[in-house]
Amino acid sequence: MTQYPLSRPEPLGVHPDYRRLRETCPVARVGSPYGPAWLVTRYADVAAVLTDARFSRAAAPEDDGGILLNTDPPEHDRLRKLIVAHTGTARVERLRPRAEEIAVALARRIPGEGEFISAFAEPFSHRVLSLFVGHLVGLPAQDLGPLATVVTLAPVPDRERGAAFAELCRRLGRQVDRETLAVVLNVVFGGHAAVVAALGYCLLAALDAPLPRLAGDPEGIAELVEETLRLAPPGDRTLLRRTTEPVELGGRTLPAGALVIPSIAAANRDPDRPVGRRMPRHLAFGRGAHACLGMALARMELQAALKALAEHAPDVRLPAGTGALVRTHEELSVSPLAGIPIQR
């Protein structure tokens, strides 16, 4: 029996067994950290799982994804409406000029030898996230200083992180009710690691572009972001589902209560996926009721970051002889690279 998650042979690649399963057994019985499950690998089947109410997120408590992910419609829809008006493209675009300023400042300070996640990706992500959360709750970003300690991927003593979390909740709680606070915190914890992961993968893709050619090319940057999200989605964790009744899928009959893992890593590479300018090219942000609320923010952040790097740090490169880049987790979790050594 195949054991999920399947490791990535390199950051922008996927395990060859994804293709084998997609072609020969697109709905396969696998072992997983959560017990026996059904792994779904074809684009059409994955999209069906994400949009069919019979595949319940709330019924899959094996993974605690927070208040938004742990509920199904109509409760999920009600919670989503608490902040959805602030998360669309038009609202997010108001933050782009400040996000670009933050990116430029960090790009200019990248050292001659350093590490990309700590030097750029993390500080950029948490500063823009502070802007966004402040926008949601009506606070200036500078009043959300504890957020950086709460979300950082760097080691922080539990006591220090706990104190920062308590202070962050106190400041946010003065602005919004408890339910809205829970939704905002869901966005905070879900957004930072995913953007840091995507920034790492986008940097690797941009270095092959190569990076200097992206300067002054917003369309090229947007294209690179979308293609990187397709090839290297941060993870499958938030897509975990459980059937609420028997369901026919990919030639199989899944019983009620079956744990289902719809793999975006496999679906995004399916040659039978829809293509075309008006068609969604990937499922990195999910689909259906649980589609990522922060997708507009993530796209804006990735584009702003690459623009700053291309224009103000075009000489960034990986050192010669760089070994394998290590992921913090495999597919079931949002998976930033543990470190990306860089030189200028």
Protein backbone atom coordinates (compact mmCIF):
# COMPACT_ATOMS: atom_id res chain seq x y z
CA MET A 1 0.00 0.00 0.00
CA THR A 2 1.28 3.47 -0.90
CA GLN A 3 2.08 5.60 2.11
CA TYR A 4 0.98 9.23 2.00
CA PRO A 5 2.54 11.82 2.02
CA LEU A 6 4.80 11.14 -0.94
CA SER A 7 8.07 13.05 -0.71
CA ARG A 8 9.13 15.64 -3.26
CA PRO A 9 12.40 14.65 -4.98
CA GLU A 10 13.23 18.36 -5.34
CA PRO A 11 11.37 21.55 -4.37
CA LEU A 12 9.65 22.20 -7.69
CA GLY A 13 9.00 18.53 -8.43
CA VAL A 14 6.64 15.80 -7.29
CA HIS A 15 7.08 12.11 -6.56
CA PRO A 16 6.78 9.99 -9.75
CA ASP A 17 4.17 7.79 -8.06
CA TYR A 18 1.66 10.63 -8.40
CA ARG A 19 1.69 10.15 -12.16
CA ARG A 20 1.50 6.38 -11.83
CA LEU A 21 -1.48 6.60 -9.49
CA ARG A 22 -3.23 9.22 -11.61
CA GLU A 23 -2.93 7.00 -14.70
CA THR A 24 -3.63 3.59 -13.16
CA CYS A 25 -5.48 4.12 -9.87
CA PRO A 26 -6.73 7.72 -9.56
CA VAL A 27 -8.66 6.98 -6.35
CA ALA A 28 -6.25 4.81 -4.39
CA ARG A 29 -6.32 3.26 -0.94
CA VAL A 30 -3.29 4.57 0.97
CA GLY A 31 -1.84 4.72 4.43
CA SER A 32 -1.56 8.17 5.99
CA PRO A 33 -0.61 9.80 9.30
CA TYR A 34 -4.35 9.80 10.03
CA GLY A 35 -4.94 6.14 9.18
CA PRO A 36 -6.25 4.47 6.01
CA ALA A 37 -7.46 6.98 3.43
CA TRP A 38 -8.36 7.41 -0.22
CA LEU A 39 -5.86 9.48 -2.23
CA VAL A 40 -7.41 11.33 -5.19
CA THR A 41 -5.00 12.39 -7.95
CA ARG A 42 -6.94 13.42 -11.10
CA TYR A 43 -7.86 17.08 -11.54
CA ALA A 44 -11.54 16.46 -12.24
CA ASP A 45 -11.90 14.15 -9.25
CA VAL A 46 -10.04 16.51 -6.90
CA ALA A 47 -12.23 19.42 -8.05
CA ALA A 48 -15.29 17.26 -7.44
CA VAL A 49 -14.20 16.45 -3.89
CA LEU A 50 -13.64 20.13 -3.13
CA THR A 51 -17.04 21.22 -4.44
CA ASP A 52 -19.32 18.32 -3.45
CA ALA A 53 -21.00 18.78 -0.05
CA ARG A 54 -20.87 15.02 0.52
CA PHE A 55 -17.13 15.40 1.12
CA SER A 56 -17.16 17.16 4.48
CA ARG A 57 -14.33 19.17 5.98
CA ALA A 58 -16.07 19.37 9.36
CA ALA A 59 -16.24 15.57 9.51
CA ALA A 60 -12.44 15.29 9.23
CA PRO A 61 -11.32 16.34 12.73
CA GLU A 62 -7.98 14.52 12.29
CA ASP A 63 -6.57 17.88 11.25
CA ASP A 64 -7.45 21.00 13.21
CA GLY A 65 -7.44 23.75 10.62
CA GLY A 66 -9.18 26.37 12.74
CA ILE A 67 -12.72 27.70 12.86
CA LEU A 68 -13.08 28.36 9.12
CA LEU A 69 -11.72 25.04 7.93
CA ASN A 70 -13.43 22.97 10.60
CA THR A 71 -16.96 23.97 9.54
CA ASP A 72 -19.09 23.24 6.49
CA PRO A 73 -21.78 25.38 4.87
CA PRO A 74 -24.05 26.97 5.92
CA GLU A 75 -22.10 27.67 9.14
CA HIS A 76 -18.88 28.11 7.17
CA ASP A 77 -20.55 30.62 4.86
CA ARG A 78 -21.79 32.65 7.83
CA LEU A 79 -18.31 32.80 9.36
CA ARG A 80 -16.68 33.62 6.04
CA LYS A 81 -18.99 36.61 5.58
CA LEU A 82 -17.54 38.19 8.73
CA ILE A 83 -14.44 39.23 6.80
CA VAL A 84 -14.91 38.29 3.13
CA ALA A 85 -15.73 41.87 2.10
CA HIS A 86 -12.19 42.87 3.10
CA THR A 87 -10.34 40.08 1.29
CA GLY A 88 -11.20 40.65 -2.37
CA THR A 89 -8.78 41.87 -5.01
CA ALA A 90 -9.95 45.51 -4.96
CA ARG A 91 -9.46 45.85 -1.19
CA VAL A 92 -6.13 44.01 -1.21
CA GLU A 93 -4.76 46.15 -4.05
CA ARG A 94 -4.96 49.17 -1.75
CA LEU A 95 -2.18 47.55 0.27
CA ARG A 96 0.11 46.90 -2.70
CA PRO A 97 2.06 50.21 -2.59
CA ARG A 98 2.97 49.68 1.07
CA ALA A 99 3.75 46.00 0.47
CA GLU A 100 6.08 46.99 -2.35
CA GLU A 101 7.84 49.50 -0.08
CA ILE A 102 8.39 46.79 2.53
CA ALA A 103 9.72 44.40 -0.12
CA VAL A 104 12.11 46.98 -1.56
CA ALA A 105 13.53 47.83 1.88
CA LEU A 106 14.16 44.16 2.64
CA ALA A 107 15.58 43.39 -0.82
CA ARG A 108 18.09 46.22 -0.51
CA ARG A 109 19.27 44.82 2.84
CA ILE A 110 19.85 41.24 1.68
CA PRO A 111 23.45 40.49 2.75
CA GLY A 112 26.30 39.22 0.62
CA GLU A 113 25.82 35.82 2.23
CA GLY A 114 22.67 34.88 4.04
CA GLU A 115 19.52 32.80 4.19
CA PHE A 116 16.43 33.82 2.24
CA ILE A 117 13.67 32.72 4.61
CA SER A 118 14.98 34.68 7.59
CA ALA A 119 16.43 37.61 5.62
CA PHE A 120 13.43 38.26 3.39
CA ALA A 121 10.48 35.84 3.26
CA GLU A 122 9.53 35.78 6.95
CA PRO A 123 9.88 39.50 7.74
CA PHE A 124 8.13 40.44 4.49
CA SER A 125 5.22 38.07 5.14
CA HIS A 126 4.58 39.06 8.73
CA ARG A 127 4.83 42.80 8.00
CA VAL A 128 2.33 42.58 5.15
CA LEU A 129 0.14 40.31 7.24
CA SER A 130 0.15 42.97 9.95
CA LEU A 131 -1.02 45.51 7.35
CA PHE A 132 -3.79 43.19 6.24
CA VAL A 133 -4.98 42.26 9.73
CA GLY A 134 -4.87 45.90 10.78
CA HIS A 135 -7.00 46.66 7.74
CA LEU A 136 -9.47 43.97 8.81
CA VAL A 137 -9.87 45.13 12.41
CA GLY A 138 -9.17 48.86 12.16
CA LEU A 139 -5.73 49.06 13.77
CA PRO A 140 -2.47 50.49 12.43
CA ALA A 141 0.05 47.79 11.59
CA GLN A 142 2.50 49.09 14.20
CA ASP A 143 -0.01 48.15 16.91
CA LEU A 144 0.27 44.50 15.90
CA GLY A 145 3.90 43.97 16.85
CA PRO A 146 3.22 40.72 18.77
CA LEU A 147 2.03 39.09 15.54
CA ALA A 148 5.61 38.52 14.34
CA THR A 149 6.48 36.49 17.45
CA VAL A 150 3.23 34.53 17.20
CA VAL A 151 3.61 33.44 13.57
CA THR A 152 7.37 33.16 13.09
CA LEU A 153 8.69 29.81 11.92
CA ALA A 154 11.90 30.41 13.86
CA PRO A 155 12.33 28.75 17.27
CA VAL A 156 10.75 30.83 20.04
CA PRO A 157 10.38 29.75 23.69
CA ASP A 158 6.81 28.60 24.35
CA ARG A 159 6.43 31.11 27.15
CA GLU A 160 7.45 34.01 24.93
CA ARG A 161 5.20 32.93 22.06
CA GLY A 162 2.31 32.37 24.47
CA ALA A 163 2.69 35.84 25.96
CA ALA A 164 2.79 37.39 22.48
CA PHE A 165 -0.34 35.48 21.49
CA ALA A 166 -2.20 36.65 24.59
CA GLU A 167 -1.22 40.25 23.88
CA LEU A 168 -2.19 39.97 20.21
CA CYS A 169 -5.61 38.59 21.18
CA ARG A 170 -6.05 41.41 23.71
CA ARG A 171 -5.35 44.07 21.08
CA LEU A 172 -7.51 42.47 18.41
CA GLY A 173 -10.25 41.72 20.92
CA ARG A 174 -10.70 45.42 21.59
CA GLN A 175 -11.71 45.86 17.95
CA VAL A 176 -13.87 42.86 17.10
CA ASP A 177 -16.18 40.35 18.78
CA ARG A 178 -14.91 36.92 19.85
CA GLU A 179 -16.25 35.11 16.80
CA THR A 180 -14.68 37.53 14.35
CA LEU A 181 -11.46 37.35 16.35
CA ALA A 182 -11.39 33.57 15.88
CA VAL A 183 -11.84 33.99 12.12
CA VAL A 184 -9.10 36.63 11.93
CA LEU A 185 -6.71 34.39 13.88
CA ASN A 186 -7.50 31.57 11.46
CA VAL A 187 -6.35 33.83 8.63
CA VAL A 188 -3.23 34.83 10.59
CA PHE A 189 -2.09 31.28 11.26
CA GLY A 190 -3.04 29.98 7.83
CA GLY A 191 -1.56 32.82 5.82
CA HIS A 192 1.97 33.32 7.08
CA ALA A 193 3.47 29.86 6.61
CA ALA A 194 1.77 29.43 3.24
CA VAL A 195 3.19 32.70 1.88
CA VAL A 196 6.66 31.97 3.26
CA ALA A 197 6.54 28.56 1.57
CA ALA A 198 5.37 30.01 -1.74
CA LEU A 199 8.01 32.77 -1.61
CA GLY A 200 10.75 30.17 -1.28
CA TYR A 201 9.48 28.21 -4.26
CA CYS A 202 8.95 31.39 -6.30
CA LEU A 203 12.53 32.48 -5.61
CA LEU A 204 13.87 29.18 -6.95
CA ALA A 205 11.71 29.52 -10.06
CA ALA A 206 12.73 33.18 -10.51
CA LEU A 207 16.43 32.33 -10.31
CA ASP A 208 15.90 30.06 -13.31
CA ALA A 209 13.96 32.80 -15.17
CA PRO A 210 16.58 34.34 -14.56
CA LEU A 211 15.66 36.90 -11.92
CA PRO A 212 17.03 40.08 -13.65
CA ARG A 213 14.77 39.47 -16.68
CA LEU A 214 11.69 39.92 -14.48
CA ALA A 215 12.53 43.56 -13.72
CA GLY A 216 9.91 45.80 -15.29
CA ASP A 217 7.82 42.81 -16.38
CA PRO A 218 4.69 42.59 -14.17
CA GLU A 219 3.02 40.14 -16.56
CA GLY A 220 6.05 37.88 -16.48
CA ILE A 221 6.09 38.02 -12.68
CA ALA A 222 2.38 37.19 -12.46
CA GLU A 223 2.88 34.29 -14.86
CA LEU A 224 5.81 32.93 -12.86
CA VAL A 225 3.79 33.16 -9.62
CA GLU A 226 0.86 31.21 -11.07
CA GLU A 227 3.05 28.55 -12.64
CA THR A 228 5.02 28.10 -9.43
CA LEU A 229 1.81 27.75 -7.43
CA ARG A 230 0.72 25.09 -9.92
CA LEU A 231 3.97 23.14 -9.79
CA ALA A 232 4.76 23.58 -6.10
CA PRO A 233 1.61 24.13 -4.03
CA PRO A 234 2.46 24.57 -0.34
CA GLY A 235 0.57 21.46 0.79
CA ASP A 236 -2.56 19.31 0.81
CA ARG A 237 -3.33 19.50 4.52
CA THR A 238 -6.31 21.86 4.49
CA LEU A 239 -8.06 19.79 1.83
CA LEU A 240 -8.66 16.72 3.99
CA ARG A 241 -12.27 15.50 3.74
CA ARG A 242 -14.55 12.71 4.99
CA THR A 243 -17.57 11.33 3.15
CA THR A 244 -20.97 11.79 4.76
CA GLU A 245 -22.60 9.06 2.61
CA PRO A 246 -21.48 6.54 -0.04
CA VAL A 247 -20.06 8.39 -3.07
CA GLU A 248 -19.02 7.24 -6.55
CA LEU A 249 -15.67 8.75 -7.51
CA GLY A 250 -13.20 7.78 -10.19
CA GLY A 251 -14.75 4.36 -10.68
CA ARG A 252 -14.76 3.61 -6.96
CA THR A 253 -17.54 3.55 -4.42
CA LEU A 254 -16.33 5.25 -1.28
CA PRO A 255 -18.27 4.27 1.84
CA ALA A 256 -19.73 6.78 4.25
CA GLY A 257 -17.11 7.94 6.72
CA ALA A 258 -14.18 7.40 4.33
CA LEU A 259 -11.19 9.71 4.83
CA VAL A 260 -10.30 11.39 1.51
CA ILE A 261 -7.12 13.24 0.56
CA PRO A 262 -7.63 15.27 -2.65
CA SER A 263 -4.06 15.91 -3.78
CA ILE A 264 -3.52 19.27 -5.43
CA ALA A 265 0.12 18.32 -6.00
CA ALA A 266 -1.06 15.57 -8.36
CA ALA A 267 -4.11 17.34 -9.78
CA ASN A 268 -2.15 20.44 -10.77
CA ARG A 269 0.04 18.30 -13.07
CA ASP A 270 -2.80 16.35 -14.63
CA PRO A 271 -2.49 16.74 -18.43
CA ASP A 272 -6.29 16.56 -18.60
CA ARG A 273 -6.81 19.62 -16.40
CA PRO A 274 -8.63 22.59 -17.96
CA VAL A 275 -6.41 25.06 -19.80
CA GLY A 276 -7.04 28.46 -21.32
CA ARG A 277 -7.00 32.09 -20.26
CA ARG A 278 -10.47 31.91 -18.72
CA MET A 279 -9.91 28.57 -17.00
CA PRO A 280 -8.39 28.08 -13.54
CA ARG A 281 -4.95 26.63 -14.12
CA HIS A 282 -4.38 25.18 -10.67
CA LEU A 283 -5.98 24.25 -7.37
CA ALA A 284 -3.32 25.72 -5.07
CA PHE A 285 -5.97 27.86 -3.35
CA GLY A 286 -8.55 25.11 -3.25
CA ARG A 287 -12.00 25.32 -4.82
CA GLY A 288 -15.58 25.69 -3.70
CA ALA A 289 -16.83 26.80 -0.30
CA HIS A 290 -13.41 26.45 1.35
CA ALA A 291 -11.41 28.24 -1.35
CA CYS A 292 -8.68 30.25 0.35
CA LEU A 293 -9.90 33.62 1.61
CA GLY A 294 -6.38 34.99 1.33
CA MET A 295 -5.74 34.16 -2.33
CA ALA A 296 -5.80 37.79 -3.49
CA LEU A 297 -3.46 38.78 -0.68
CA ALA A 298 -1.07 35.90 -1.41
CA ARG A 299 -0.89 36.74 -5.12
CA MET A 300 -0.25 40.39 -4.36
CA GLU A 301 2.48 39.54 -1.84
CA LEU A 302 4.29 37.14 -4.17
CA GLN A 303 4.18 39.60 -7.05
CA ALA A 304 5.38 42.51 -4.89
CA ALA A 305 8.23 40.41 -3.47
CA LEU A 306 9.50 39.21 -6.86
CA LYS A 307 9.28 42.72 -8.29
CA ALA A 308 11.47 44.07 -5.48
CA LEU A 309 13.97 41.22 -5.76
CA ALA A 310 14.26 41.58 -9.54
CA GLU A 311 14.75 45.34 -9.36
CA HIS A 312 16.79 45.75 -6.17
CA ALA A 313 18.56 42.41 -5.65
CA PRO A 314 18.92 40.98 -9.18
CA ASP A 315 22.31 39.46 -8.31
CA VAL A 316 20.87 37.09 -5.68
CA ARG A 317 21.81 33.49 -6.41
CA LEU A 318 22.23 30.12 -4.75
CA PRO A 319 25.78 29.39 -3.65
CA ALA A 320 27.71 26.87 -5.73
CA GLY A 321 27.47 23.39 -4.33
CA THR A 322 24.23 23.98 -2.47
CA GLY A 323 22.94 20.63 -1.28
CA ALA A 324 19.36 19.43 -1.15
CA LEU A 325 16.96 22.02 0.21
CA VAL A 326 15.07 20.59 3.17
CA ARG A 327 11.32 20.94 3.58
CA THR A 328 9.88 21.46 7.04
CA HIS A 329 7.04 18.97 6.37
CA GLU A 330 5.68 16.87 3.53
CA GLU A 331 2.40 17.23 1.65
CA LEU A 332 -0.09 17.06 4.52
CA SER A 333 1.19 20.35 5.90
CA VAL A 334 2.03 23.77 4.56
CA SER A 335 5.67 23.14 3.78
CA PRO A 336 8.19 25.98 3.68
CA LEU A 337 11.77 25.15 2.87
CA ALA A 338 13.72 25.11 6.12
CA GLY A 339 16.37 27.38 4.66
CA ILE A 340 17.54 28.72 1.30
CA PRO A 341 21.19 29.87 1.34
CA ILE A 342 21.79 32.86 -0.92
CA GLN A 343 24.68 35.00 -2.09
CA ARG A 344 25.04 38.29 -3.91
